Amino acid sequence: MNDSVWYISHGELILRMMVSALLGGVIGMEREWNHHAAGLRTHILVCLGSATIMLLSIYGFAGYTSEASVRMDPARLAAQVVSGIGFLGAGAIMRNGNIVKGLTTAASVWVVAGIGLCVGAGFLPGAFFCTFLVLVSLYLLNKWEKVW
């Protein structure tokens, strides 16, 4: 077994990918139940894709760490996810006169990408707490807004 910071076991890799699919799916279910454009499958795919990119960024280039001229920057691919996911979210936003729809869906897709990056990096407490807060925001605050 390799104890290097640049190594991850196959079991841990699979676990992180499964956790990202689960957390993205939980948020996607809320969107699905409320009949929004980006539902279960979209949120699972965004979260899983982000986790996979983060895993690649941290562990996918482990074979090059011993090279003298190689500098590892695990945040580089993650930064591209953060900016790139905005294009996917922008596709969910529709404007009809003064009415704008899809902003919350776009935001949920964006935050699910962040959750996926957390899971991929092994920052599971942050991923779980963020998922909890997203669900509070989407479900409970939606109910509260309807009352007021």
N, C-alpha and C. Protein backbone atom coordinates (compact mmCIF):
# COMPACT_ATOMS: atom_id res chain seq x y z
N MET A 1 0.84 -1.18 0.00
CA MET A 1 0.00 0.00 0.00
C MET A 1 0.89 1.25 0.00
N ASN A 2 0.49 2.24 -0.76
CA ASN A 2 1.23 3.48 -0.89
C ASN A 2 0.62 4.53 0.04
N ASP A 3 1.42 5.11 0.93
CA ASP A 3 0.94 6.12 1.87
C ASP A 3 1.16 7.53 1.37
N SER A 4 1.51 7.69 0.11
CA SER A 4 1.75 9.01 -0.46
C SER A 4 0.47 9.83 -0.48
N VAL A 5 0.60 11.13 -0.34
CA VAL A 5 -0.54 12.04 -0.42
C VAL A 5 -1.15 12.02 -1.83
N TRP A 6 -0.39 11.57 -2.81
CA TRP A 6 -0.86 11.54 -4.19
C TRP A 6 -1.48 10.21 -4.57
N TYR A 7 -1.73 9.34 -3.60
CA TYR A 7 -2.27 8.01 -3.88
C TYR A 7 -3.65 7.87 -3.23
N ILE A 8 -4.55 7.18 -3.90
CA ILE A 8 -5.86 6.84 -3.35
C ILE A 8 -6.16 5.39 -3.73
N SER A 9 -6.71 4.66 -2.79
CA SER A 9 -7.04 3.26 -3.08
C SER A 9 -8.27 3.21 -4.00
N HIS A 10 -8.42 2.08 -4.67
CA HIS A 10 -9.59 1.92 -5.53
C HIS A 10 -10.88 1.98 -4.72
N GLY A 11 -10.85 1.42 -3.53
CA GLY A 11 -12.03 1.45 -2.67
C GLY A 11 -12.42 2.86 -2.27
N GLU A 12 -11.44 3.68 -1.91
CA GLU A 12 -11.72 5.07 -1.54
C GLU A 12 -12.21 5.86 -2.76
N LEU A 13 -11.63 5.60 -3.91
CA LEU A 13 -12.05 6.25 -5.15
C LEU A 13 -13.52 5.94 -5.43
N ILE A 14 -13.89 4.67 -5.36
CA ILE A 14 -15.27 4.25 -5.61
C ILE A 14 -16.21 4.84 -4.57
N LEU A 15 -15.80 4.84 -3.31
CA LEU A 15 -16.62 5.40 -2.24
C LEU A 15 -16.90 6.88 -2.50
N ARG A 16 -15.89 7.64 -2.84
CA ARG A 16 -16.08 9.08 -3.09
C ARG A 16 -17.01 9.31 -4.26
N MET A 17 -16.89 8.53 -5.30
CA MET A 17 -17.78 8.69 -6.45
C MET A 17 -19.21 8.33 -6.08
N MET A 18 -19.39 7.30 -5.29
CA MET A 18 -20.73 6.92 -4.86
C MET A 18 -21.34 7.97 -3.94
N VAL A 19 -20.55 8.53 -3.03
CA VAL A 19 -21.04 9.58 -2.14
C VAL A 19 -21.45 10.81 -2.96
N SER A 20 -20.68 11.16 -3.97
CA SER A 20 -21.04 12.33 -4.79
C SER A 20 -22.35 12.07 -5.53
N ALA A 21 -22.53 10.88 -6.06
CA ALA A 21 -23.79 10.55 -6.74
C ALA A 21 -24.96 10.61 -5.76
N LEU A 22 -24.74 10.12 -4.55
CA LEU A 22 -25.79 10.15 -3.53
C LEU A 22 -26.16 11.58 -3.14
N LEU A 23 -25.17 12.42 -2.85
CA LEU A 23 -25.44 13.79 -2.42
C LEU A 23 -26.07 14.61 -3.55
N GLY A 24 -25.55 14.47 -4.75
CA GLY A 24 -26.15 15.16 -5.89
C GLY A 24 -27.57 14.68 -6.13
N GLY A 25 -27.79 13.38 -5.95
CA GLY A 25 -29.11 12.80 -6.14
C GLY A 25 -30.13 13.28 -5.13
N VAL A 26 -29.70 13.46 -3.90
CA VAL A 26 -30.61 13.95 -2.85
C VAL A 26 -31.12 15.34 -3.22
N ILE A 27 -30.22 16.19 -3.67
CA ILE A 27 -30.63 17.54 -4.08
C ILE A 27 -31.46 17.46 -5.36
N GLY A 28 -31.07 16.62 -6.28
CA GLY A 28 -31.82 16.45 -7.52
C GLY A 28 -33.23 15.94 -7.29
N MET A 29 -33.42 15.11 -6.28
CA MET A 29 -34.77 14.62 -5.96
C MET A 29 -35.68 15.77 -5.55
N GLU A 30 -35.17 16.70 -4.76
CA GLU A 30 -35.99 17.86 -4.38
C GLU A 30 -36.40 18.63 -5.62
N ARG A 31 -35.48 18.82 -6.54
CA ARG A 31 -35.79 19.54 -7.79
C ARG A 31 -36.80 18.75 -8.62
N GLU A 32 -36.63 17.45 -8.64
CA GLU A 32 -37.53 16.57 -9.41
C GLU A 32 -38.95 16.62 -8.85
N TRP A 33 -39.06 16.53 -7.54
CA TRP A 33 -40.38 16.56 -6.89
C TRP A 33 -41.12 17.85 -7.17
N ASN A 34 -40.38 18.93 -7.37
CA ASN A 34 -41.00 20.23 -7.64
C ASN A 34 -41.03 20.57 -9.13
N HIS A 35 -40.79 19.55 -9.97
CA HIS A 35 -40.94 19.66 -11.43
C HIS A 35 -40.07 20.74 -12.06
N HIS A 36 -38.80 20.78 -11.65
CA HIS A 36 -37.86 21.73 -12.24
C HIS A 36 -37.08 21.05 -13.36
N ALA A 37 -36.57 21.87 -14.28
CA ALA A 37 -35.91 21.34 -15.48
C ALA A 37 -34.72 20.44 -15.14
N ALA A 38 -33.88 20.88 -14.24
CA ALA A 38 -32.71 20.08 -13.85
C ALA A 38 -33.09 19.28 -12.61
N GLY A 39 -33.28 17.98 -12.79
CA GLY A 39 -33.74 17.14 -11.69
C GLY A 39 -32.70 16.14 -11.23
N LEU A 40 -33.16 14.97 -10.92
CA LEU A 40 -32.34 13.91 -10.33
C LEU A 40 -31.10 13.60 -11.17
N ARG A 41 -31.30 13.23 -12.41
CA ARG A 41 -30.17 12.80 -13.25
C ARG A 41 -29.17 13.92 -13.48
N THR A 42 -29.68 15.13 -13.73
CA THR A 42 -28.77 16.26 -13.99
C THR A 42 -27.89 16.52 -12.78
N HIS A 43 -28.49 16.55 -11.59
CA HIS A 43 -27.72 16.83 -10.38
C HIS A 43 -26.73 15.71 -10.06
N ILE A 44 -27.14 14.48 -10.28
CA ILE A 44 -26.20 13.36 -10.08
C ILE A 44 -25.01 13.50 -11.03
N LEU A 45 -25.29 13.77 -12.29
CA LEU A 45 -24.22 13.85 -13.27
C LEU A 45 -23.27 15.01 -12.99
N VAL A 46 -23.79 16.16 -12.61
CA VAL A 46 -22.93 17.31 -12.31
C VAL A 46 -22.06 17.02 -11.09
N CYS A 47 -22.67 16.47 -10.04
CA CYS A 47 -21.91 16.19 -8.82
C CYS A 47 -20.86 15.10 -9.06
N LEU A 48 -21.26 14.05 -9.73
CA LEU A 48 -20.34 12.95 -10.03
C LEU A 48 -19.22 13.40 -10.96
N GLY A 49 -19.56 14.18 -11.97
CA GLY A 49 -18.54 14.70 -12.89
C GLY A 49 -17.54 15.59 -12.17
N SER A 50 -18.04 16.45 -11.29
CA SER A 50 -17.14 17.32 -10.53
C SER A 50 -16.23 16.52 -9.62
N ALA A 51 -16.79 15.51 -8.96
CA ALA A 51 -15.98 14.66 -8.08
C ALA A 51 -14.90 13.93 -8.89
N THR A 52 -15.28 13.43 -10.05
CA THR A 52 -14.33 12.71 -10.90
C THR A 52 -13.21 13.63 -11.36
N ILE A 53 -13.55 14.86 -11.74
CA ILE A 53 -12.53 15.81 -12.17
C ILE A 53 -11.60 16.15 -11.00
N MET A 54 -12.17 16.30 -9.80
CA MET A 54 -11.33 16.59 -8.63
C MET A 54 -10.41 15.41 -8.32
N LEU A 55 -10.94 14.19 -8.41
CA LEU A 55 -10.12 13.00 -8.18
C LEU A 55 -8.99 12.93 -9.21
N LEU A 56 -9.32 13.20 -10.46
CA LEU A 56 -8.28 13.23 -11.50
C LEU A 56 -7.23 14.28 -11.18
N SER A 57 -7.69 15.45 -10.78
CA SER A 57 -6.77 16.55 -10.50
C SER A 57 -5.80 16.24 -9.38
N ILE A 58 -6.30 15.57 -8.34
CA ILE A 58 -5.43 15.26 -7.19
C ILE A 58 -4.60 14.00 -7.43
N TYR A 59 -5.24 12.94 -7.93
CA TYR A 59 -4.59 11.62 -7.95
C TYR A 59 -4.22 11.12 -9.35
N GLY A 60 -4.78 11.71 -10.39
CA GLY A 60 -4.60 11.18 -11.74
C GLY A 60 -3.22 11.36 -12.32
N PHE A 61 -2.44 12.24 -11.73
CA PHE A 61 -1.12 12.51 -12.27
C PHE A 61 -0.02 12.08 -11.30
N ALA A 62 -0.34 11.13 -10.43
CA ALA A 62 0.60 10.68 -9.40
C ALA A 62 1.90 10.15 -9.99
N GLY A 63 1.85 9.60 -11.16
CA GLY A 63 3.04 9.06 -11.80
C GLY A 63 4.09 10.12 -12.14
N TYR A 64 3.68 11.37 -12.12
CA TYR A 64 4.59 12.45 -12.49
C TYR A 64 5.16 13.20 -11.29
N THR A 65 4.76 12.83 -10.08
CA THR A 65 5.18 13.59 -8.89
C THR A 65 6.67 13.49 -8.60
N SER A 66 7.31 12.44 -9.08
CA SER A 66 8.74 12.29 -8.81
C SER A 66 9.61 13.08 -9.79
N GLU A 67 9.02 13.63 -10.82
CA GLU A 67 9.77 14.42 -11.79
C GLU A 67 10.16 15.75 -11.17
N ALA A 68 11.40 16.16 -11.34
CA ALA A 68 11.92 17.38 -10.72
C ALA A 68 11.23 18.64 -11.23
N SER A 69 10.86 18.68 -12.49
CA SER A 69 10.29 19.91 -13.06
C SER A 69 8.76 19.97 -12.98
N VAL A 70 8.14 18.98 -12.38
CA VAL A 70 6.67 18.94 -12.31
C VAL A 70 6.20 19.57 -11.01
N ARG A 71 5.24 20.49 -11.13
CA ARG A 71 4.61 21.11 -9.97
C ARG A 71 3.14 20.70 -9.98
N MET A 72 2.66 20.15 -8.90
CA MET A 72 1.27 19.70 -8.82
C MET A 72 0.39 20.83 -8.31
N ASP A 73 -0.75 21.02 -8.95
CA ASP A 73 -1.72 22.04 -8.55
C ASP A 73 -3.13 21.43 -8.66
N PRO A 74 -3.57 20.75 -7.60
CA PRO A 74 -4.88 20.10 -7.65
C PRO A 74 -6.04 21.07 -7.84
N ALA A 75 -5.85 22.33 -7.55
CA ALA A 75 -6.93 23.31 -7.69
C ALA A 75 -7.15 23.75 -9.13
N ARG A 76 -6.22 23.47 -10.00
CA ARG A 76 -6.31 23.96 -11.38
C ARG A 76 -7.54 23.43 -12.10
N LEU A 77 -7.77 22.13 -12.10
CA LEU A 77 -8.96 21.58 -12.76
C LEU A 77 -10.24 21.97 -12.03
N ALA A 78 -10.18 22.04 -10.70
CA ALA A 78 -11.35 22.45 -9.92
C ALA A 78 -11.80 23.86 -10.31
N ALA A 79 -10.86 24.74 -10.52
CA ALA A 79 -11.20 26.11 -10.92
C ALA A 79 -11.93 26.13 -12.26
N GLN A 80 -11.57 25.23 -13.14
CA GLN A 80 -12.25 25.16 -14.43
C GLN A 80 -13.68 24.65 -14.29
N VAL A 81 -13.91 23.77 -13.33
CA VAL A 81 -15.28 23.29 -13.06
C VAL A 81 -16.12 24.46 -12.57
N VAL A 82 -15.59 25.23 -11.64
CA VAL A 82 -16.34 26.34 -11.05
C VAL A 82 -16.76 27.34 -12.13
N SER A 83 -15.86 27.68 -13.03
CA SER A 83 -16.23 28.64 -14.08
C SER A 83 -17.04 27.98 -15.18
N GLY A 84 -16.72 26.78 -15.53
CA GLY A 84 -17.40 26.11 -16.64
C GLY A 84 -18.83 25.71 -16.34
N ILE A 85 -19.14 25.40 -15.11
CA ILE A 85 -20.49 24.95 -14.77
C ILE A 85 -21.49 26.09 -14.95
N GLY A 86 -21.00 27.33 -14.92
CA GLY A 86 -21.87 28.48 -15.15
C GLY A 86 -22.56 28.43 -16.51
N PHE A 87 -21.90 27.87 -17.50
CA PHE A 87 -22.51 27.76 -18.82
C PHE A 87 -23.69 26.78 -18.80
N LEU A 88 -23.55 25.70 -18.05
CA LEU A 88 -24.64 24.75 -17.92
C LEU A 88 -25.81 25.38 -17.18
N GLY A 89 -25.50 26.08 -16.10
CA GLY A 89 -26.55 26.75 -15.33
C GLY A 89 -27.24 27.84 -16.13
N ALA A 90 -26.48 28.55 -16.95
CA ALA A 90 -27.08 29.62 -17.75
C ALA A 90 -28.14 29.09 -18.69
N GLY A 91 -28.00 27.85 -19.12
CA GLY A 91 -29.00 27.24 -19.99
C GLY A 91 -30.32 26.98 -19.29
N ALA A 92 -30.32 26.98 -17.97
CA ALA A 92 -31.54 26.74 -17.21
C ALA A 92 -32.31 28.02 -16.92
N ILE A 93 -31.70 29.18 -17.20
CA ILE A 93 -32.33 30.46 -16.88
C ILE A 93 -33.12 30.96 -18.10
N MET A 94 -34.38 31.26 -17.86
CA MET A 94 -35.25 31.75 -18.92
C MET A 94 -35.83 33.09 -18.50
N ARG A 95 -35.90 34.01 -19.45
CA ARG A 95 -36.49 35.32 -19.16
C ARG A 95 -37.65 35.56 -20.11
N ASN A 96 -38.77 35.96 -19.54
CA ASN A 96 -39.95 36.29 -20.32
C ASN A 96 -40.48 37.61 -19.78
N GLY A 97 -40.09 38.73 -20.42
CA GLY A 97 -40.45 40.05 -19.91
C GLY A 97 -39.73 40.32 -18.61
N ASN A 98 -40.50 40.63 -17.57
CA ASN A 98 -39.92 40.90 -16.26
C ASN A 98 -39.80 39.64 -15.41
N ILE A 99 -40.24 38.52 -15.92
CA ILE A 99 -40.22 37.27 -15.16
C ILE A 99 -38.99 36.46 -15.53
N VAL A 100 -38.23 36.09 -14.52
CA VAL A 100 -37.04 35.27 -14.70
C VAL A 100 -37.26 33.94 -13.99
N LYS A 101 -37.07 32.85 -14.70
CA LYS A 101 -37.23 31.52 -14.12
C LYS A 101 -35.93 30.75 -14.29
N GLY A 102 -35.68 29.85 -13.38
CA GLY A 102 -34.53 28.97 -13.49
C GLY A 102 -33.31 29.39 -12.69
N LEU A 103 -33.36 30.52 -12.02
CA LEU A 103 -32.19 30.96 -11.26
C LEU A 103 -31.85 29.99 -10.13
N THR A 104 -32.86 29.52 -9.42
CA THR A 104 -32.59 28.59 -8.32
C THR A 104 -32.08 27.27 -8.86
N THR A 105 -32.63 26.82 -9.97
CA THR A 105 -32.13 25.59 -10.59
C THR A 105 -30.68 25.76 -11.02
N ALA A 106 -30.36 26.89 -11.63
CA ALA A 106 -28.97 27.14 -12.03
C ALA A 106 -28.05 27.18 -10.82
N ALA A 107 -28.52 27.81 -9.74
CA ALA A 107 -27.72 27.87 -8.53
C ALA A 107 -27.54 26.49 -7.90
N SER A 108 -28.58 25.67 -7.94
CA SER A 108 -28.46 24.32 -7.37
C SER A 108 -27.49 23.47 -8.17
N VAL A 109 -27.49 23.63 -9.48
CA VAL A 109 -26.53 22.90 -10.32
C VAL A 109 -25.11 23.37 -9.99
N TRP A 110 -24.93 24.66 -9.81
CA TRP A 110 -23.60 25.20 -9.48
C TRP A 110 -23.12 24.69 -8.13
N VAL A 111 -23.99 24.71 -7.12
CA VAL A 111 -23.57 24.27 -5.78
C VAL A 111 -23.33 22.76 -5.76
N VAL A 112 -24.08 22.00 -6.55
CA VAL A 112 -23.83 20.56 -6.63
C VAL A 112 -22.45 20.29 -7.22
N ALA A 113 -22.00 21.13 -8.14
CA ALA A 113 -20.64 21.00 -8.65
C ALA A 113 -19.64 21.21 -7.52
N GLY A 114 -19.90 22.18 -6.67
CA GLY A 114 -19.03 22.41 -5.51
C GLY A 114 -19.03 21.23 -4.55
N ILE A 115 -20.19 20.64 -4.34
CA ILE A 115 -20.28 19.45 -3.48
C ILE A 115 -19.46 18.32 -4.08
N GLY A 116 -19.57 18.14 -5.38
CA GLY A 116 -18.78 17.10 -6.05
C GLY A 116 -17.28 17.33 -5.90
N LEU A 117 -16.86 18.59 -6.02
CA LEU A 117 -15.44 18.90 -5.83
C LEU A 117 -15.01 18.58 -4.40
N CYS A 118 -15.86 18.89 -3.42
CA CYS A 118 -15.55 18.57 -2.02
C CYS A 118 -15.39 17.07 -1.83
N VAL A 119 -16.34 16.31 -2.37
CA VAL A 119 -16.28 14.85 -2.21
C VAL A 119 -15.03 14.30 -2.89
N GLY A 120 -14.75 14.77 -4.10
CA GLY A 120 -13.57 14.30 -4.81
C GLY A 120 -12.29 14.59 -4.06
N ALA A 121 -12.24 15.73 -3.37
CA ALA A 121 -11.05 16.10 -2.61
C ALA A 121 -11.00 15.42 -1.25
N GLY A 122 -12.07 14.72 -0.87
CA GLY A 122 -12.10 14.05 0.43
C GLY A 122 -12.58 14.93 1.56
N PHE A 123 -13.14 16.09 1.23
CA PHE A 123 -13.65 17.03 2.23
C PHE A 123 -15.13 16.69 2.50
N LEU A 124 -15.35 15.48 3.03
CA LEU A 124 -16.70 14.97 3.21
C LEU A 124 -17.54 15.75 4.22
N PRO A 125 -16.99 16.20 5.35
CA PRO A 125 -17.84 16.99 6.26
C PRO A 125 -18.41 18.24 5.58
N GLY A 126 -17.59 18.91 4.79
CA GLY A 126 -18.06 20.07 4.05
C GLY A 126 -19.13 19.71 3.03
N ALA A 127 -18.95 18.58 2.35
CA ALA A 127 -19.92 18.14 1.35
C ALA A 127 -21.26 17.80 1.99
N PHE A 128 -21.23 17.08 3.11
CA PHE A 128 -22.48 16.70 3.77
C PHE A 128 -23.19 17.92 4.37
N PHE A 129 -22.44 18.82 5.00
CA PHE A 129 -23.07 20.00 5.59
C PHE A 129 -23.62 20.93 4.51
N CYS A 130 -22.90 21.07 3.41
CA CYS A 130 -23.38 21.88 2.30
C CYS A 130 -24.67 21.28 1.73
N THR A 131 -24.71 19.97 1.58
CA THR A 131 -25.92 19.29 1.09
C THR A 131 -27.10 19.58 2.01
N PHE A 132 -26.86 19.49 3.32
CA PHE A 132 -27.91 19.79 4.30
C PHE A 132 -28.41 21.22 4.13
N LEU A 133 -27.49 22.17 4.01
CA LEU A 133 -27.89 23.57 3.88
C LEU A 133 -28.61 23.84 2.56
N VAL A 134 -28.21 23.17 1.51
CA VAL A 134 -28.90 23.32 0.22
C VAL A 134 -30.33 22.81 0.34
N LEU A 135 -30.50 21.66 0.98
CA LEU A 135 -31.85 21.12 1.15
C LEU A 135 -32.71 22.04 2.02
N VAL A 136 -32.14 22.60 3.06
CA VAL A 136 -32.88 23.57 3.88
C VAL A 136 -33.29 24.75 3.02
N SER A 137 -32.36 25.25 2.23
CA SER A 137 -32.63 26.40 1.37
C SER A 137 -33.70 26.08 0.33
N LEU A 138 -33.58 24.95 -0.33
CA LEU A 138 -34.52 24.62 -1.41
C LEU A 138 -35.90 24.22 -0.88
N TYR A 139 -35.92 23.44 0.17
CA TYR A 139 -37.20 22.89 0.63
C TYR A 139 -37.86 23.77 1.68
N LEU A 140 -37.19 23.98 2.79
CA LEU A 140 -37.81 24.71 3.89
C LEU A 140 -38.02 26.20 3.56
N LEU A 141 -37.03 26.83 2.97
CA LEU A 141 -37.19 28.25 2.64
C LEU A 141 -38.23 28.46 1.55
N ASN A 142 -38.39 27.50 0.66
CA ASN A 142 -39.43 27.57 -0.35
C ASN A 142 -40.81 27.55 0.32
N LYS A 143 -40.99 26.69 1.30
CA LYS A 143 -42.25 26.63 2.05
C LYS A 143 -42.48 27.95 2.79
N TRP A 144 -41.43 28.47 3.39
CA TRP A 144 -41.52 29.72 4.16
C TRP A 144 -41.89 30.89 3.25
N GLU A 145 -41.28 30.95 2.04
CA GLU A 145 -41.58 32.01 1.09
C GLU A 145 -43.05 32.01 0.68
N LYS A 146 -43.63 30.83 0.52
CA LYS A 146 -45.04 30.72 0.12
C LYS A 146 -45.98 31.22 1.20
N VAL A 147 -45.57 31.08 2.46
CA VAL A 147 -46.39 31.55 3.57
C VAL A 147 -46.35 33.08 3.64
N TRP A 148 -45.22 33.67 3.38
CA TRP A 148 -45.07 35.13 3.46
C TRP A 148 -45.33 35.70 2.13
